[in-house]
Amino acid sequence: MDLSNLKPAKGSVRRKKRIGRGEGSGAGDTATRGHKGAKSRSGYSKKAGFEGGQMPLGRRVPKYGFKNRNRVEYRGVNLDVLQKLAENKGLDTVNPDVLISNGLASKNDLVKVLGRGKLTAKLNITAHAFSATAAKAIEDTGGTVNRI
């Protein structure tokens, strides 16, 4: 047995049906397209979203709102989270690299420090943005606020 002996199983391969080649072939006349209508004509292609004349879903559902393409989205990190991080890891400096390595941000995130919770550790924090309450709380404990 080698590649030259291989052939498909008996009955598994059938000849292509030659449609539209006269009445005698059994597939002439309408050439398996049925009678009349757009689908029986040459060059027919259904438009995307066409629902047979019924009002399409894209036009039935109301439109509202808009997407602001200038929106800047920050990953929020609260003071209580930074306090816990500082206690567990013994840190005095927090920057985006530290947050990324501890799973609090992704490498493409812009980081904003938010003011929830209490901060008792003296931390030097570097981030892209700070809320007013967070910046005040950091400076009250003797830490520094560095905006990137």
Protein backbone atom coordinates (compact mmCIF):
# COMPACT_ATOMS: atom_id res chain seq x y z
CA MET A 1 0.00 0.00 0.00
CA ASP A 2 1.39 3.41 -0.97
CA LEU A 3 0.06 6.83 -2.04
CA SER A 4 -0.49 5.68 -5.63
CA ASN A 5 -3.04 3.07 -4.46
CA LEU A 6 -5.16 5.46 -2.38
CA LYS A 7 -8.65 6.28 -3.58
CA PRO A 8 -11.82 7.47 -1.85
CA ALA A 9 -14.37 5.02 -0.45
CA LYS A 10 -16.89 3.68 -2.94
CA GLY A 11 -19.89 6.02 -3.29
CA SER A 12 -18.31 8.90 -1.35
CA VAL A 13 -17.42 10.98 -4.43
CA ARG A 14 -20.22 12.18 -6.69
CA ARG A 15 -20.10 14.13 -9.93
CA LYS A 16 -20.94 17.83 -9.82
CA LYS A 17 -24.55 18.62 -10.73
CA ARG A 18 -24.47 20.60 -13.99
CA ILE A 19 -27.35 23.00 -13.60
CA GLY A 20 -28.93 25.13 -16.33
CA ARG A 21 -27.85 22.85 -19.18
CA GLY A 22 -31.23 22.14 -20.79
CA GLU A 23 -34.46 20.36 -19.93
CA GLY A 24 -33.06 16.89 -20.59
CA SER A 25 -30.56 17.22 -17.78
CA GLY A 26 -33.34 17.53 -15.20
CA ALA A 27 -31.73 20.70 -13.86
CA GLY A 28 -32.63 23.12 -16.66
CA ASP A 29 -35.67 25.46 -16.62
CA THR A 30 -35.22 27.25 -13.25
CA ALA A 31 -31.76 25.73 -12.65
CA THR A 32 -32.62 24.88 -9.00
CA ARG A 33 -33.35 28.54 -8.17
CA GLY A 34 -37.12 28.19 -7.76
CA HIS A 35 -39.55 30.59 -9.47
CA LYS A 36 -39.26 34.39 -9.80
CA GLY A 37 -38.13 36.70 -7.01
CA ALA A 38 -34.81 38.48 -6.45
CA LYS A 39 -33.00 35.29 -5.43
CA SER A 40 -33.69 33.67 -8.80
CA ARG A 41 -32.02 36.49 -10.74
CA SER A 42 -28.36 36.78 -11.66
CA GLY A 43 -26.37 39.37 -9.72
CA TYR A 44 -28.52 39.05 -6.60
CA SER A 45 -26.86 39.75 -3.27
CA LYS A 46 -28.69 40.43 -0.03
CA LYS A 47 -27.73 43.72 1.62
CA ALA A 48 -26.26 43.45 5.12
CA GLY A 49 -29.03 43.84 7.68
CA PHE A 50 -31.84 43.31 5.15
CA GLU A 51 -34.84 41.59 6.76
CA GLY A 52 -37.11 40.98 3.80
CA GLY A 53 -38.63 44.44 3.82
CA GLN A 54 -39.39 44.36 7.54
CA MET A 55 -37.93 47.37 9.37
CA PRO A 56 -34.40 46.14 10.24
CA LEU A 57 -33.26 45.85 13.83
CA GLY A 58 -30.71 48.63 13.34
CA ARG A 59 -33.53 51.04 12.51
CA ARG A 60 -36.13 49.70 14.99
CA VAL A 61 -33.96 50.35 18.04
CA PRO A 62 -33.69 53.99 19.15
CA LYS A 63 -30.34 55.75 19.09
CA TYR A 64 -29.05 57.76 22.05
CA GLY A 65 -25.85 59.15 23.57
CA PHE A 66 -22.42 59.47 22.06
CA LYS A 67 -18.85 58.31 22.70
CA ASN A 68 -16.45 61.09 23.62
CA ARG A 69 -13.29 60.26 21.67
CA ASN A 70 -11.26 62.66 23.86
CA ARG A 71 -12.15 60.94 27.14
CA VAL A 72 -9.16 60.05 29.30
CA GLU A 73 -9.77 56.93 31.37
CA TYR A 74 -7.81 56.38 34.58
CA ARG A 75 -7.32 53.28 36.72
CA GLY A 76 -8.34 54.43 40.22
CA VAL A 77 -6.24 53.38 43.20
CA ASN A 78 -7.47 54.41 46.65
CA LEU A 79 -5.41 55.49 49.66
CA ASP A 80 -6.50 52.51 51.77
CA VAL A 81 -5.13 50.16 49.08
CA LEU A 82 -1.82 52.07 49.01
CA GLN A 83 -1.67 51.95 52.84
CA LYS A 84 -2.16 48.17 52.82
CA LEU A 85 0.46 47.81 50.07
CA ALA A 86 2.96 49.91 52.01
CA GLU A 87 2.41 47.86 55.20
CA ASN A 88 2.65 44.46 53.49
CA LYS A 89 5.63 45.24 51.23
CA GLY A 90 7.43 47.79 53.42
CA LEU A 91 7.42 50.47 50.70
CA ASP A 92 8.11 54.19 50.99
CA THR A 93 7.85 54.93 47.24
CA VAL A 94 4.89 54.03 45.06
CA ASN A 95 4.92 54.50 41.27
CA PRO A 96 3.06 52.89 38.34
CA ASP A 97 5.72 50.15 38.04
CA VAL A 98 5.09 49.10 41.67
CA LEU A 99 1.32 49.07 41.06
CA ILE A 100 1.76 46.99 37.89
CA SER A 101 4.00 44.45 39.62
CA ASN A 102 1.41 44.09 42.44
CA GLY A 103 -1.52 43.66 40.04
CA LEU A 104 -3.24 46.98 40.80
CA ALA A 105 -2.80 48.37 37.27
CA SER A 106 -1.94 47.22 33.77
CA LYS A 107 1.06 48.51 31.83
CA ASN A 108 -1.02 50.77 29.57
CA ASP A 109 -3.23 52.19 32.35
CA LEU A 110 -3.11 55.81 33.45
CA VAL A 111 -3.17 55.76 37.27
CA LYS A 112 -5.20 58.17 39.40
CA VAL A 113 -4.88 58.15 43.19
CA LEU A 114 -8.27 58.55 44.90
CA GLY A 115 -9.03 59.64 48.46
CA ARG A 116 -10.96 56.72 50.01
CA GLY A 117 -9.58 55.43 53.31
CA LYS A 118 -6.87 56.61 55.70
CA LEU A 119 -3.20 56.97 54.93
CA THR A 120 -0.78 56.78 57.86
CA ALA A 121 2.42 55.80 56.02
CA LYS A 122 4.72 58.53 54.70
CA LEU A 123 4.78 57.74 50.98
CA ASN A 124 6.32 59.33 47.92
CA ILE A 125 3.67 58.64 45.30
CA THR A 126 4.10 59.08 41.56
CA ALA A 127 0.98 58.83 39.38
CA HIS A 128 -0.70 60.41 36.37
CA ALA A 129 -3.39 62.18 38.42
CA PHE A 130 -4.54 62.75 42.01
CA SER A 131 -7.89 63.71 43.45
CA ALA A 132 -7.80 66.82 45.65
CA THR A 133 -8.59 64.83 48.82
CA ALA A 134 -5.92 62.22 48.03
CA ALA A 135 -3.23 64.85 47.40
CA LYS A 136 -4.10 66.64 50.66
CA ALA A 137 -4.05 63.37 52.66
CA ILE A 138 -0.66 62.36 51.23
CA GLU A 139 0.89 65.75 51.98
CA ASP A 140 -0.64 65.79 55.51
CA THR A 141 1.24 62.57 56.37
CA GLY A 142 4.51 64.11 55.12
CA GLY A 143 4.57 62.29 51.79
CA THR A 144 5.11 63.79 48.34
CA VAL A 145 2.82 63.95 45.31
CA ASN A 146 4.52 63.62 41.90
CA ARG A 147 2.42 63.98 38.75
CA ILE A 148 3.71 62.30 35.61
